[in-house]
Amino acid sequence: ELDTVELDANPNWDQTTVRYELTSMLTPPTIAERAIGSGDTTVLRITPVPNYDPTLYVERRDWAQAEDGTAIPLSVVARRDVPADGTAPGYLYGYGSYEVSVDPSFVPTRLSLLDRGVVIAIAHVRGGGEMGRDWYEHGKLLEKKNSFSDFVAAAKHLTDSGLVAEGRLSAEGRSAGGLLMGGIANLAPERFRAVIAGVPFVDALTTILDPSLPLTVGEWEEWGDPLHDPAVYEYMREYTPYENIQAVEYPAIFASTSLNDTRVFFVEPAKWVARLRETVTSDQAERPILFRCEMVAGHGGRSGRYRKWEQRADELAWLLDQLEATARL
């Protein structure tokens, strides 16, 4: 299993046990204690998931080869009865910024995809922290393009290995992961059938050029300072999604934002979608480019458990329709 383990709160100074939380793509969050002396383990709580049978699914670690030969890890989960014969629809998630590790964890909403035969994978691209500090350093500043090419390499691996069908692979990323989505849509639009870009940082160059914005100067450590360094300016111009839209066929795109988002202003995805609609050559009746702005929400989307689930249901319903995977197995 692809387990993720982290220490949990245990405030008693004289405690004789270590409390931790364990999860995986198949294991709901589980809190347990391990006795320091005997090594005995006691499970305190397993998050209940109604009607969930983990034996129906299988998870695995795969490796894709990047352009420069670097091995890129993927965390993959699928139904056991989905054959790896190049016919299954797929979903690939990525982030790849700020040294954030997207660890394998249990996400209940994924079950809706899995039970319709969708193979789910996380691409742990450079720019994240999954493989240590160097992994992060080689995916930021003047090496940011590695994040995009790593993700495309992961997509290629999924189809070449037969895990996912050509023409039935989707992708998703949020915030800086939305930048990743815009980048891969420009870099390899033919590899993806549909893309969800949540609160996407798709006009990065314009934003990072404006030091009057509250987050810009602090962000120079991640992206560089294009205002004072011509090399950074040119490099960011070469990968910023808004600046590089091509007159070719693109995947269907669902871009979402929030009116009150103070991290990635709604104007970024709005202008990106407008330029996409006027530039791409794909049939937008078949591959629509959608834009949704939540009027009472921030960077994290709708507030409240049920309103968040409603928002997620909209996105996944659209995705399944694009993948022609609406029927349950």
Protein backbone atom coordinates (compact mmCIF):
# COMPACT_ATOMS: atom_id res chain seq x y z
CA GLU A 1 0.00 0.00 0.00
CA LEU A 2 0.98 3.63 -0.54
CA ASP A 3 0.60 4.71 3.07
CA THR A 4 0.92 8.23 4.43
CA VAL A 5 1.72 8.46 8.16
CA GLU A 6 2.00 11.59 10.30
CA LEU A 7 2.23 12.22 14.03
CA ASP A 8 -1.04 13.23 15.66
CA ALA A 9 -1.70 15.46 18.68
CA ASN A 10 -0.66 13.84 21.97
CA PRO A 11 -0.32 16.65 24.55
CA ASN A 12 0.48 14.64 27.70
CA TRP A 13 4.18 15.00 28.56
CA ASP A 14 4.33 11.68 30.39
CA GLN A 15 2.50 9.72 27.70
CA THR A 16 3.93 6.25 27.01
CA THR A 17 2.45 5.96 23.53
CA VAL A 18 2.97 7.67 20.18
CA ARG A 19 -0.24 8.71 18.45
CA TYR A 20 -0.31 8.88 14.66
CA GLU A 21 -2.68 9.06 11.72
CA LEU A 22 -2.42 6.71 8.76
CA THR A 23 -4.14 6.94 5.40
CA SER A 24 -3.69 5.80 1.81
CA MET A 25 -5.63 5.98 -1.42
CA LEU A 26 -7.54 2.94 -0.13
CA THR A 27 -7.43 3.48 3.65
CA PRO A 28 -9.73 6.05 5.29
CA PRO A 29 -7.96 8.23 7.89
CA THR A 30 -7.09 6.00 10.84
CA ILE A 31 -5.86 7.25 14.23
CA ALA A 32 -3.79 4.79 16.26
CA GLU A 33 -1.40 4.66 19.22
CA ARG A 34 1.78 2.64 19.49
CA ALA A 35 3.21 1.80 22.91
CA ILE A 36 6.83 2.94 23.15
CA GLY A 37 7.89 0.05 25.36
CA SER A 38 6.05 -2.98 23.99
CA GLY A 39 5.38 -1.82 20.45
CA ASP A 40 1.72 -2.78 20.76
CA THR A 41 -0.63 -0.82 18.50
CA THR A 42 -4.17 0.24 19.36
CA VAL A 43 -6.49 1.62 16.69
CA LEU A 44 -8.52 4.48 18.18
CA ARG A 45 -10.66 5.54 15.26
CA ILE A 46 -11.25 4.73 11.60
CA THR A 47 -13.20 7.33 9.64
CA PRO A 48 -16.45 5.61 8.63
CA VAL A 49 -17.21 5.41 4.90
CA PRO A 50 -20.66 3.88 4.28
CA ASN A 51 -20.88 1.08 1.70
CA TYR A 52 -17.14 1.19 1.00
CA ASP A 53 -15.33 -2.09 0.30
CA PRO A 54 -11.55 -1.57 -0.07
CA THR A 55 -11.07 -5.05 -1.52
CA LEU A 56 -12.68 -3.84 -4.76
CA TYR A 57 -9.73 -1.55 -5.48
CA VAL A 58 -5.98 -1.75 -5.92
CA GLU A 59 -3.27 0.89 -5.57
CA ARG A 60 0.26 0.87 -6.97
CA ARG A 61 3.38 2.95 -7.43
CA ASP A 62 4.42 3.64 -11.03
CA TRP A 63 7.33 5.62 -12.45
CA ALA A 64 7.36 7.77 -15.56
CA GLN A 65 10.52 8.88 -17.34
CA ALA A 66 10.91 12.63 -17.78
CA GLU A 67 12.57 14.27 -20.78
CA ASP A 68 15.89 14.49 -18.93
CA GLY A 69 15.70 10.88 -17.72
CA THR A 70 14.47 11.67 -14.20
CA ALA A 71 12.08 9.06 -12.76
CA ILE A 72 8.77 10.70 -11.82
CA PRO A 73 6.67 8.84 -9.20
CA LEU A 74 2.96 8.29 -9.70
CA SER A 75 0.45 7.06 -7.14
CA VAL A 76 -2.25 5.06 -8.93
CA VAL A 77 -5.57 3.58 -7.78
CA ALA A 78 -8.25 1.73 -9.76
CA ARG A 79 -10.94 -0.90 -9.50
CA ARG A 80 -9.55 -4.43 -9.57
CA ASP A 81 -11.91 -5.36 -12.38
CA VAL A 82 -10.71 -2.58 -14.71
CA PRO A 83 -8.34 -4.17 -17.25
CA ALA A 84 -5.05 -2.50 -18.18
CA ASP A 85 -5.75 -3.00 -21.87
CA GLY A 86 -5.77 0.60 -23.04
CA THR A 87 -9.54 1.11 -22.84
CA ALA A 88 -10.11 2.73 -19.42
CA PRO A 89 -10.75 6.43 -18.83
CA GLY A 90 -8.23 8.20 -16.62
CA TYR A 91 -7.78 11.13 -14.25
CA LEU A 92 -4.38 12.64 -13.46
CA TYR A 93 -3.89 15.16 -10.64
CA GLY A 94 -0.91 17.42 -10.07
CA TYR A 95 0.34 20.45 -8.13
CA GLY A 96 4.13 20.81 -8.17
CA SER A 97 4.88 24.09 -6.37
CA TYR A 98 6.02 25.54 -3.02
CA GLU A 99 7.61 22.21 -1.96
CA VAL A 100 4.12 20.88 -1.20
CA SER A 101 3.90 17.09 -1.03
CA VAL A 102 0.68 15.66 -2.44
CA ASP A 103 0.79 12.49 -0.37
CA PRO A 104 -1.44 9.50 -1.17
CA SER A 105 -4.57 9.87 0.93
CA PHE A 106 -8.19 8.76 1.00
CA VAL A 107 -10.60 11.10 -0.81
CA PRO A 108 -14.23 9.88 -0.66
CA THR A 109 -15.33 11.76 -3.79
CA ARG A 110 -12.87 9.70 -5.84
CA LEU A 111 -15.12 6.68 -5.36
CA SER A 112 -17.59 8.18 -7.82
CA LEU A 113 -14.88 8.07 -10.49
CA LEU A 114 -13.45 4.70 -9.50
CA ASP A 115 -16.84 3.00 -9.56
CA ARG A 116 -17.29 4.19 -13.14
CA GLY A 117 -14.04 2.60 -14.23
CA VAL A 118 -11.81 5.67 -14.09
CA VAL A 119 -8.14 5.04 -13.29
CA ILE A 120 -6.92 7.74 -10.87
CA ALA A 121 -3.30 8.85 -10.60
CA ILE A 122 -1.30 11.57 -8.86
CA ALA A 123 1.79 12.83 -10.68
CA HIS A 124 4.38 13.85 -8.08
CA VAL A 125 6.13 16.32 -10.37
CA ARG A 126 9.18 18.41 -9.57
CA GLY A 127 8.38 21.62 -7.73
CA GLY A 128 6.69 19.62 -4.99
CA GLY A 129 8.44 18.21 -1.94
CA GLU A 130 7.75 14.49 -2.34
CA MET A 131 11.35 13.52 -3.14
CA GLY A 132 13.21 16.02 -0.97
CA ARG A 133 14.61 19.52 -1.28
CA ASP A 134 16.31 18.97 -4.64
CA TRP A 135 12.98 17.85 -6.09
CA TYR A 136 11.57 21.24 -5.19
CA GLU A 137 14.60 23.23 -6.34
CA HIS A 138 14.46 21.62 -9.79
CA GLY A 139 10.84 22.69 -10.27
CA LYS A 140 10.95 26.40 -9.39
CA LEU A 141 12.46 29.65 -10.67
CA LEU A 142 14.35 29.00 -13.93
CA GLU A 143 13.56 25.28 -13.78
CA LYS A 144 9.78 25.64 -13.48
CA LYS A 145 9.19 24.10 -16.90
CA ASN A 146 10.20 20.73 -15.42
CA SER A 147 6.84 20.64 -13.62
CA PHE A 148 4.98 20.79 -16.94
CA SER A 149 7.14 18.29 -18.81
CA ASP A 150 7.06 15.89 -15.83
CA PHE A 151 3.25 15.94 -15.88
CA VAL A 152 3.15 15.28 -19.61
CA ALA A 153 5.59 12.39 -19.09
CA ALA A 154 3.24 10.97 -16.45
CA ALA A 155 0.32 11.25 -18.87
CA LYS A 156 2.34 9.48 -21.57
CA HIS A 157 3.20 6.68 -19.14
CA LEU A 158 -0.45 6.08 -18.28
CA THR A 159 -1.42 5.62 -21.92
CA ASP A 160 1.74 3.81 -23.04
CA SER A 161 1.37 1.29 -20.20
CA GLY A 162 -2.23 0.53 -21.13
CA LEU A 163 -3.62 1.81 -17.84
CA VAL A 164 -5.57 4.55 -19.64
CA ALA A 165 -6.98 4.84 -23.15
CA GLU A 166 -5.61 7.34 -25.65
CA GLY A 167 -8.13 10.16 -25.86
CA ARG A 168 -9.77 9.38 -22.49
CA LEU A 169 -7.32 10.99 -20.07
CA SER A 170 -8.38 13.98 -17.97
CA ALA A 171 -6.34 16.23 -15.69
CA GLU A 172 -6.94 18.49 -12.71
CA GLY A 173 -5.03 21.02 -10.65
CA ARG A 174 -5.89 23.96 -8.40
CA SER A 175 -4.22 27.32 -7.74
CA ALA A 176 -0.54 26.80 -8.62
CA GLY A 177 -1.75 23.43 -9.86
CA GLY A 178 -4.06 25.42 -12.14
CA LEU A 179 -0.94 27.02 -13.60
CA LEU A 180 0.24 23.46 -14.22
CA MET A 181 -3.04 22.71 -16.03
CA GLY A 182 -2.75 25.76 -18.25
CA GLY A 183 0.85 24.85 -19.00
CA ILE A 184 0.16 21.26 -20.00
CA ALA A 185 -2.85 22.31 -22.09
CA ASN A 186 -0.46 24.46 -24.13
CA LEU A 187 2.41 21.98 -24.10
CA ALA A 188 0.54 18.79 -25.02
CA PRO A 189 -3.15 19.50 -25.72
CA GLU A 190 -3.48 16.29 -27.71
CA ARG A 191 -2.85 14.13 -24.62
CA PHE A 192 -5.89 15.28 -22.64
CA ARG A 193 -9.61 14.97 -23.26
CA ALA A 194 -10.68 17.28 -20.42
CA VAL A 195 -9.03 19.57 -17.88
CA ILE A 196 -10.35 21.03 -14.62
CA ALA A 197 -8.46 24.17 -13.59
CA GLY A 198 -9.53 25.42 -10.16
CA VAL A 199 -8.74 29.04 -9.19
CA PRO A 200 -5.87 28.77 -11.71
CA PHE A 201 -2.78 30.98 -11.59
CA VAL A 202 -2.78 31.31 -15.38
CA ASP A 203 -1.61 34.91 -15.81
CA ALA A 204 1.43 34.49 -13.61
CA LEU A 205 3.67 36.95 -15.45
CA THR A 206 1.29 39.89 -15.11
CA THR A 207 0.72 39.21 -11.41
CA ILE A 208 4.37 38.72 -10.51
CA LEU A 209 5.26 41.95 -12.34
CA ASP A 210 3.05 43.99 -9.98
CA PRO A 211 4.69 44.56 -6.56
CA SER A 212 1.68 46.58 -5.38
CA LEU A 213 -0.26 43.32 -5.02
CA PRO A 214 -0.04 41.95 -1.47
CA LEU A 215 1.51 38.57 -2.33
CA THR A 216 3.78 39.42 -5.26
CA VAL A 217 7.09 40.31 -3.60
CA GLY A 218 7.01 37.23 -1.38
CA GLU A 219 6.28 35.11 -4.46
CA TRP A 220 9.54 36.17 -6.13
CA GLU A 221 11.27 33.45 -4.10
CA GLU A 222 9.16 30.84 -5.92
CA TRP A 223 8.95 32.26 -9.45
CA GLY A 224 11.75 34.82 -9.64
CA ASP A 225 11.61 38.60 -10.10
CA PRO A 226 10.64 39.42 -13.70
CA LEU A 227 10.45 43.11 -12.85
CA HIS A 228 14.21 43.42 -12.39
CA ASP A 229 15.65 40.31 -14.05
CA PRO A 230 15.20 40.05 -17.85
CA ALA A 231 16.06 36.33 -17.82
CA VAL A 232 13.23 35.64 -15.39
CA TYR A 233 10.84 37.79 -17.43
CA GLU A 234 11.57 35.89 -20.63
CA TYR A 235 11.42 32.50 -18.91
CA MET A 236 8.06 33.25 -17.28
CA ARG A 237 6.71 34.60 -20.56
CA GLU A 238 7.60 31.28 -22.18
CA TYR A 239 5.48 29.20 -19.77
CA THR A 240 2.70 31.50 -18.48
CA PRO A 241 -0.49 29.87 -19.84
CA TYR A 242 -2.21 33.08 -20.90
CA GLU A 243 0.78 34.14 -22.99
CA ASN A 244 1.12 30.86 -24.90
CA ILE A 245 -2.33 29.81 -26.13
CA GLN A 246 -2.08 28.30 -29.61
CA ALA A 247 -4.46 28.07 -32.55
CA VAL A 248 -4.74 24.28 -32.29
CA GLU A 249 -7.25 21.80 -30.89
CA TYR A 250 -7.46 21.89 -27.08
CA PRO A 251 -9.09 19.62 -24.52
CA ALA A 252 -12.40 20.59 -22.97
CA ILE A 253 -11.66 22.95 -20.07
CA PHE A 254 -13.63 23.75 -16.91
CA ALA A 255 -12.13 26.82 -15.21
CA SER A 256 -13.55 27.85 -11.85
CA THR A 257 -12.83 30.87 -9.69
CA SER A 258 -14.32 32.92 -6.86
CA LEU A 259 -15.19 36.59 -6.80
CA ASN A 260 -13.58 37.07 -3.38
CA ASP A 261 -10.39 35.11 -4.04
CA THR A 262 -7.52 37.28 -2.78
CA ARG A 263 -4.76 34.85 -3.78
CA VAL A 264 -5.57 34.33 -7.46
CA PHE A 265 -7.84 37.14 -8.65
CA PHE A 266 -10.82 36.07 -10.74
CA VAL A 267 -9.59 38.20 -13.64
CA GLU A 268 -6.81 35.67 -14.37
CA PRO A 269 -9.01 32.70 -15.35
CA ALA A 270 -11.60 35.07 -16.87
CA LYS A 271 -9.17 36.55 -19.40
CA TRP A 272 -7.57 33.12 -19.97
CA VAL A 273 -10.93 31.58 -20.87
CA ALA A 274 -11.77 34.51 -23.16
CA ARG A 275 -8.52 34.11 -25.08
CA LEU A 276 -8.92 30.34 -25.26
CA ARG A 277 -12.41 30.69 -26.73
CA GLU A 278 -11.25 33.08 -29.44
CA THR A 279 -8.03 31.19 -30.30
CA VAL A 280 -8.42 27.41 -30.16
CA THR A 281 -9.49 25.51 -33.27
CA SER A 282 -11.31 22.65 -31.53
CA ASP A 283 -15.09 22.31 -31.82
CA GLN A 284 -16.30 24.05 -28.67
CA ALA A 285 -19.68 22.37 -28.88
CA GLU A 286 -17.88 19.06 -28.43
CA ARG A 287 -15.03 20.33 -26.27
CA PRO A 288 -16.46 23.30 -24.38
CA ILE A 289 -14.39 25.86 -22.51
CA LEU A 290 -16.41 26.66 -19.41
CA PHE A 291 -15.96 29.41 -16.84
CA ARG A 292 -17.69 29.53 -13.46
CA CYS A 293 -17.28 32.26 -10.87
CA GLU A 294 -18.58 31.61 -7.37
CA MET A 295 -20.04 34.90 -6.18
CA VAL A 296 -19.80 34.16 -2.43
CA ALA A 297 -16.54 32.24 -1.99
CA GLY A 298 -12.79 32.60 -1.68
CA HIS A 299 -9.69 30.71 -2.78
CA GLY A 300 -10.97 27.45 -1.31
CA GLY A 301 -14.31 27.57 -3.11
CA ARG A 302 -17.69 27.28 -1.43
CA SER A 303 -17.89 27.16 2.35
CA GLY A 304 -19.72 24.44 4.24
CA ARG A 305 -19.53 20.70 3.77
CA TYR A 306 -22.64 20.27 1.66
CA ARG A 307 -22.04 23.31 -0.55
CA LYS A 308 -18.51 22.06 -1.21
CA TRP A 309 -19.89 18.64 -2.13
CA GLU A 310 -22.39 20.26 -4.51
CA GLN A 311 -19.58 22.16 -6.21
CA ARG A 312 -17.49 19.01 -6.48
CA ALA A 313 -20.42 17.03 -7.85
CA ASP A 314 -20.80 19.57 -10.67
CA GLU A 315 -17.14 19.24 -11.61
CA LEU A 316 -17.07 15.45 -11.52
CA ALA A 317 -20.35 15.10 -13.43
CA TRP A 318 -18.91 17.28 -16.19
CA LEU A 319 -15.66 15.31 -16.18
CA LEU A 320 -17.40 11.93 -16.41
CA ASP A 321 -19.53 13.18 -19.28
CA GLN A 322 -16.43 14.31 -21.17
CA LEU A 323 -14.80 10.92 -20.58
CA GLU A 324 -17.97 9.05 -21.61
CA ALA A 325 -17.85 7.25 -18.27
CA THR A 326 -21.17 8.05 -16.65
CA ALA A 327 -22.31 4.42 -16.18
CA ARG A 328 -21.39 2.60 -12.97
CA LEU A 329 -19.58 -0.72 -13.24
